């Protein structure tokens, strides 16, 4: 388990290094295409503001977007006690607990650090899982809190936003501004390279974000199993969650990566091939279950 966690940490570092190179390349492309740094400067200013808002308010935005509400403690006393026990086992402060009124079984954690963390579960999750399985899911979410995954994903989302914003501005502006080197063959070739980079950068950024999210899920599975000392509980919970076919009422692409499983349901049995895995915010549940049972 410790080896798996170490590997995922290194891979996450590599992903952020690629992000940095991607943004530098995009900045070069724009500076060449327009010979004007003002667009990039404005985009950086916007990204700083976006980063500040994301850091301090991303948890509140996510909770509001999913319809999560703080429940009465006495009504959900068993859930509170379960989360308290896991927090003690992990040496973490107890997070705020929220409940989403939705029959689809799912859960997520949010917050910028363990002192400002929240965990949310759907009513469907509480109905479907037994105590051991629910403990596995809560340990998974507490692992996200302890590993600072939520902050990492917030930064990743911000980086994706920067790339998409700059690319969109450049693509629109290209219709109104001609480059001075457009009559040169070399200049034309560089223009094509720059334009391709601008067009493909959002796709590359999104794929990197999805990859970071998937690696973090594996890591949270492993860390959560360390907290409960019972990987089978989470494995059984994931199998039950996957069987539910209807999407969450508040499912959306902006918050999908936060949940323990994609909140969009399924219309037919999933075929886990390379293409579907690349464009998914989560690794295939059968693969996660297999890894968990190998840890037992």
Protein backbone atom coordinates (compact mmCIF):
# COMPACT_ATOMS: atom_id res chain seq x y z
CA UNK A 1 0.00 0.00 0.00
CA UNK A 2 2.78 2.42 0.91
CA UNK A 3 4.48 1.68 -2.41
CA UNK A 4 1.26 2.43 -4.32
CA UNK A 5 0.89 5.74 -2.47
CA UNK A 6 4.49 6.70 -3.23
CA UNK A 7 4.07 5.90 -6.93
CA UNK A 8 0.91 7.97 -7.20
CA UNK A 9 2.58 10.95 -5.51
CA UNK A 10 5.41 10.87 -8.05
CA UNK A 11 2.99 10.57 -10.96
CA UNK A 12 1.01 13.55 -9.67
CA UNK A 13 4.23 15.60 -9.56
CA UNK A 14 4.94 14.62 -13.18
CA UNK A 15 1.46 15.73 -14.19
CA UNK A 16 1.97 19.20 -12.72
CA UNK A 17 5.35 19.47 -14.43
CA UNK A 18 3.63 18.73 -17.75
CA UNK A 19 1.03 21.39 -16.93
CA UNK A 20 3.78 23.97 -16.40
CA UNK A 21 5.42 23.08 -19.72
CA UNK A 22 2.05 23.23 -21.47
CA UNK A 23 1.32 26.73 -20.19
CA UNK A 24 4.83 27.93 -21.12
CA UNK A 25 4.37 26.52 -24.62
CA UNK A 26 0.99 28.16 -24.95
CA UNK A 27 2.44 31.48 -23.81
CA UNK A 28 5.16 31.22 -26.46
CA UNK A 29 2.56 30.47 -29.13
CA UNK A 30 0.47 33.50 -28.24
CA UNK A 31 3.46 35.84 -28.03
CA UNK A 32 4.48 34.74 -31.53
CA UNK A 33 1.02 34.87 -33.07
CA UNK A 34 0.16 38.36 -31.88
CA UNK A 35 3.50 39.87 -30.86
CA UNK A 36 1.58 41.21 -27.88
CA UNK A 37 1.85 40.10 -24.26
CA UNK A 38 -1.28 41.93 -23.10
CA UNK A 39 -3.62 38.97 -23.70
CA UNK A 40 -1.44 36.64 -21.64
CA UNK A 41 -1.04 39.31 -18.95
CA UNK A 42 -4.82 39.77 -18.66
CA UNK A 43 -5.33 35.99 -18.53
CA UNK A 44 -2.77 35.67 -15.71
CA UNK A 45 -4.53 38.41 -13.71
CA UNK A 46 -7.88 36.62 -14.15
CA UNK A 47 -6.29 33.31 -13.15
CA UNK A 48 -4.93 34.85 -9.93
CA UNK A 49 -8.40 36.06 -8.98
CA UNK A 50 -9.86 32.69 -9.92
CA UNK A 51 -7.22 30.92 -7.82
CA UNK A 52 -8.05 33.04 -4.76
CA UNK A 53 -11.77 32.37 -5.12
CA UNK A 54 -11.16 28.65 -5.71
CA UNK A 55 -8.87 28.33 -2.69
CA UNK A 56 -11.20 29.98 -0.19
CA UNK A 57 -14.65 29.21 -1.58
CA UNK A 58 -14.41 26.07 -3.73
CA UNK A 59 -15.83 23.90 -0.95
CA UNK A 60 -18.88 26.13 -0.48
CA UNK A 61 -19.43 26.27 -4.24
CA UNK A 62 -19.21 22.47 -4.54
CA UNK A 63 -21.60 21.89 -1.64
CA UNK A 64 -24.08 24.40 -3.04
CA UNK A 65 -23.86 22.94 -6.55
CA UNK A 66 -24.66 19.44 -5.29
CA UNK A 67 -27.50 20.50 -2.99
CA UNK A 68 -25.70 19.31 0.15
CA UNK A 69 -27.21 20.38 3.48
CA UNK A 70 -25.99 20.09 7.07
CA UNK A 71 -28.31 17.52 8.69
CA UNK A 72 -29.61 17.31 12.24
CA UNK A 73 -26.92 15.56 14.29
CA UNK A 74 -29.35 13.41 16.26
CA UNK A 75 -31.03 12.16 13.09
CA UNK A 76 -27.68 11.07 11.64
CA UNK A 77 -25.91 10.27 14.91
CA UNK A 78 -24.44 6.97 13.65
CA UNK A 79 -22.90 8.72 10.64
CA UNK A 80 -21.39 11.39 12.89
CA UNK A 81 -19.88 8.78 15.20
CA UNK A 82 -18.50 6.77 12.31
CA UNK A 83 -16.77 9.84 10.83
CA UNK A 84 -15.46 10.84 14.28
CA UNK A 85 -13.87 7.41 14.74
CA UNK A 86 -12.19 7.54 11.34
CA UNK A 87 -10.93 11.07 11.99
CA UNK A 88 -9.39 9.91 15.28
CA UNK A 89 -7.78 6.91 13.55
CA UNK A 90 -6.29 9.19 10.89
CA UNK A 91 -5.20 11.89 13.35
CA UNK A 92 -7.45 14.43 11.59
CA UNK A 93 -9.96 17.01 12.78
CA UNK A 94 -13.55 15.90 12.33
CA UNK A 95 -14.89 17.46 9.11
CA UNK A 96 -18.32 19.00 8.72
CA UNK A 97 -20.90 16.48 7.58
CA UNK A 98 -23.42 17.13 4.81
CA UNK A 99 -26.20 15.02 3.33
CA UNK A 100 -27.53 15.19 -0.23
CA UNK A 101 -31.14 14.15 -0.72
CA UNK A 102 -30.59 11.84 -3.69
CA UNK A 103 -31.27 8.10 -4.17
CA UNK A 104 -28.03 7.60 -6.12
CA UNK A 105 -25.32 6.23 -3.78
CA UNK A 106 -22.31 8.53 -3.79
CA UNK A 107 -20.06 10.68 -1.60
CA UNK A 108 -17.35 13.31 -1.82
CA UNK A 109 -14.98 15.39 0.28
CA UNK A 110 -14.09 19.03 -0.18
CA UNK A 111 -12.13 21.78 1.54
CA UNK A 112 -8.73 23.45 1.28
CA UNK A 113 -7.14 21.63 4.25
CA UNK A 114 -8.09 19.23 7.08
CA UNK A 115 -9.15 22.13 9.33
CA UNK A 116 -11.63 23.38 6.71
CA UNK A 117 -12.87 20.06 5.34
CA UNK A 118 -16.36 18.73 4.69
CA UNK A 119 -17.68 15.34 3.63
CA UNK A 120 -21.01 14.82 1.92
CA UNK A 121 -23.01 11.63 1.40
CA UNK A 122 -26.24 10.97 -0.45
CA UNK A 123 -29.29 9.49 1.25
CA UNK A 124 -29.03 6.66 -1.27
CA UNK A 125 -25.57 5.75 0.00
CA UNK A 126 -26.83 5.54 3.58
CA UNK A 127 -29.68 3.26 2.49
CA UNK A 128 -27.65 0.91 0.26
CA UNK A 129 -24.51 0.27 2.34
CA UNK A 130 -24.11 -1.57 5.60
CA UNK A 131 -21.96 -0.14 8.41
CA UNK A 132 -18.70 -1.78 7.31
CA UNK A 133 -19.15 -0.63 3.70
CA UNK A 134 -20.08 2.90 4.77
CA UNK A 135 -16.99 2.98 6.96
CA UNK A 136 -14.90 2.09 3.91
CA UNK A 137 -16.40 4.93 1.87
CA UNK A 138 -15.96 7.47 4.68
CA UNK A 139 -12.35 6.35 5.16
CA UNK A 140 -11.80 6.89 1.42
CA UNK A 141 -13.15 10.44 1.69
CA UNK A 142 -11.15 11.15 4.84
CA UNK A 143 -8.08 9.92 2.96
CA UNK A 144 -8.74 12.64 0.37
CA UNK A 145 -8.77 15.14 3.22
CA UNK A 146 -5.60 13.82 4.84
CA UNK A 147 -3.72 13.58 1.54
CA UNK A 148 -4.74 17.15 0.58
CA UNK A 149 -6.25 15.80 -2.63
CA UNK A 150 -9.00 18.40 -2.72
CA UNK A 151 -6.52 21.28 -2.80
CA UNK A 152 -4.51 19.50 -5.50
CA UNK A 153 -7.60 19.08 -7.66
CA UNK A 154 -8.53 22.73 -7.11
CA UNK A 155 -5.12 23.76 -8.43
CA UNK A 156 -5.51 21.39 -11.38
CA UNK A 157 -8.91 22.87 -12.22
CA UNK A 158 -7.42 26.36 -12.06
CA UNK A 159 -4.61 25.39 -14.42
CA UNK A 160 -7.11 23.91 -16.86
CA UNK A 161 -9.12 27.14 -16.63
CA UNK A 162 -6.04 29.21 -17.47
CA UNK A 163 -5.25 27.11 -20.53
CA UNK A 164 -8.83 27.12 -21.79
CA UNK A 165 -9.25 30.85 -21.20
CA UNK A 166 -6.04 31.83 -22.98
CA UNK A 167 -6.75 29.46 -25.87
CA UNK A 168 -10.28 30.79 -26.29
CA UNK A 169 -9.11 34.42 -26.31
CA UNK A 170 -6.36 33.64 -28.80
CA UNK A 171 -8.64 31.67 -31.12
CA UNK A 172 -11.24 34.45 -31.22
CA UNK A 173 -8.66 37.20 -31.62
CA UNK A 174 -6.98 35.36 -34.49
CA UNK A 175 -9.94 36.20 -36.73
CA UNK A 176 -9.36 39.93 -36.22
CA UNK A 177 -5.60 40.27 -36.23
CA UNK A 178 -3.04 39.32 -38.88
CA UNK A 179 0.51 38.37 -37.92
CA UNK A 180 3.41 40.33 -39.41
CA UNK A 181 5.17 37.10 -40.44
CA UNK A 182 2.19 35.70 -42.33
CA UNK A 183 3.82 36.27 -45.73
CA UNK A 184 6.92 34.33 -44.82
CA UNK A 185 7.05 30.56 -45.35
CA UNK A 186 8.89 30.11 -42.06
CA UNK A 187 6.51 32.47 -40.36
CA UNK A 188 3.55 30.61 -41.83
CA UNK A 189 4.87 27.28 -40.58
CA UNK A 190 5.39 28.66 -37.10
CA UNK A 191 1.93 30.17 -37.23
CA UNK A 192 0.46 26.73 -37.96
CA UNK A 193 2.40 25.18 -35.08
CA UNK A 194 1.26 27.93 -32.74
CA UNK A 195 -2.37 27.65 -33.84
CA UNK A 196 -2.35 23.85 -33.40
CA UNK A 197 -0.93 24.28 -29.91
CA UNK A 198 -3.62 26.80 -29.04
CA UNK A 199 -6.37 24.51 -30.34
CA UNK A 200 -5.09 21.34 -28.63
CA UNK A 201 -3.96 22.84 -25.32
CA UNK A 202 -7.42 22.69 -23.69
CA UNK A 203 -7.71 19.01 -24.60
CA UNK A 204 -4.27 18.21 -23.21
CA UNK A 205 -5.02 20.17 -20.05
CA UNK A 206 -8.32 18.36 -19.53
CA UNK A 207 -6.70 14.95 -20.03
CA UNK A 208 -4.01 15.80 -17.48
CA UNK A 209 -6.67 16.91 -15.00
CA UNK A 210 -8.56 13.64 -15.46
CA UNK A 211 -5.35 11.64 -15.04
CA UNK A 212 -4.53 13.43 -11.77
CA UNK A 213 -8.06 12.74 -10.53
CA UNK A 214 -7.83 9.03 -11.36
CA UNK A 215 -4.45 8.61 -9.67
CA UNK A 216 -5.77 10.32 -6.56
CA UNK A 217 -8.68 7.86 -6.41
CA UNK A 218 -6.28 4.92 -6.29
CA UNK A 219 -4.29 6.64 -3.59
CA UNK A 220 -7.40 7.40 -1.51
CA UNK A 221 -8.52 3.77 -1.82
CA UNK A 222 -5.16 2.61 -0.46
CA UNK A 223 -5.00 5.20 2.33
CA UNK A 224 -8.62 4.58 3.34
CA UNK A 225 -7.88 0.87 3.64
CA UNK A 226 -5.00 1.70 5.98
CA UNK A 227 -7.42 3.59 8.23
CA UNK A 228 -10.01 0.79 8.45
CA UNK A 229 -7.59 -2.15 8.13
CA UNK A 230 -10.35 -3.76 6.03
CA UNK A 231 -10.07 -3.17 2.24
CA UNK A 232 -12.97 -5.58 1.59
CA UNK A 233 -15.45 -3.09 3.08
CA UNK A 234 -14.64 -0.43 0.48
CA UNK A 235 -14.45 -3.05 -2.28
CA UNK A 236 -18.00 -4.23 -1.55
CA UNK A 237 -19.22 -0.64 -1.30
CA UNK A 238 -17.78 0.22 -4.72
CA UNK A 239 -19.47 -2.83 -6.25
CA UNK A 240 -22.84 -1.73 -4.87
CA UNK A 241 -22.32 1.86 -6.02
CA UNK A 242 -21.47 0.73 -9.55
CA UNK A 243 -24.68 -1.29 -9.85
CA UNK A 244 -26.87 1.80 -9.46
CA UNK A 245 -27.75 2.97 -12.98
CA UNK A 246 -29.58 6.28 -12.47
CA UNK A 247 -27.56 9.54 -12.36
CA UNK A 248 -27.62 11.98 -9.49
CA UNK A 249 -30.14 14.83 -9.81
CA UNK A 250 -27.37 17.42 -9.40
CA UNK A 251 -24.74 15.65 -11.51
CA UNK A 252 -22.51 18.01 -13.50
CA UNK A 253 -19.06 17.97 -15.08
CA UNK A 254 -17.67 20.67 -12.81
CA UNK A 255 -17.95 18.58 -9.63
CA UNK A 256 -17.88 15.03 -11.06
CA UNK A 257 -14.22 14.43 -10.15
CA UNK A 258 -14.94 15.06 -6.46
CA UNK A 259 -17.24 12.04 -6.03
CA UNK A 260 -16.11 8.53 -5.14
CA UNK A 261 -17.65 7.42 -8.45
CA UNK A 262 -18.91 9.27 -11.53
CA UNK A 263 -22.36 10.68 -10.66
CA UNK A 264 -23.82 10.22 -14.15
CA UNK A 265 -25.05 6.65 -13.77
CA UNK A 266 -25.02 4.27 -16.72
CA UNK A 267 -27.48 3.03 -19.30
CA UNK A 268 -25.73 -0.24 -20.02
CA UNK A 269 -22.85 -2.29 -18.60
CA UNK A 270 -19.62 -0.33 -18.95
CA UNK A 271 -16.98 -1.55 -21.36
CA UNK A 272 -13.68 -0.48 -19.89
CA UNK A 273 -11.36 0.08 -22.83
CA UNK A 274 -8.47 2.51 -23.23
CA UNK A 275 -10.59 5.22 -24.87
CA UNK A 276 -13.35 5.22 -22.25
CA UNK A 277 -10.80 5.19 -19.43
CA UNK A 278 -8.86 8.19 -20.79
CA UNK A 279 -11.96 10.39 -20.87
CA UNK A 280 -13.29 9.29 -17.47
CA UNK A 281 -12.83 11.24 -14.23
CA UNK A 282 -12.47 7.97 -12.30
CA UNK A 283 -10.62 4.69 -12.85
CA UNK A 284 -12.81 1.64 -13.60
CA UNK A 285 -14.41 0.27 -10.45
CA UNK A 286 -13.51 -3.37 -11.30
CA UNK A 287 -9.85 -2.32 -11.38
CA UNK A 288 -10.18 -0.48 -8.07
CA UNK A 289 -11.89 -3.47 -6.47
CA UNK A 290 -9.18 -5.79 -7.77
CA UNK A 291 -6.43 -3.62 -6.25
CA UNK A 292 -8.27 -3.41 -2.93
CA UNK A 293 -8.64 -7.18 -2.69
CA UNK A 294 -4.97 -7.61 -3.50
CA UNK A 295 -4.23 -5.51 -0.41
CA UNK A 296 -6.27 -7.77 1.90
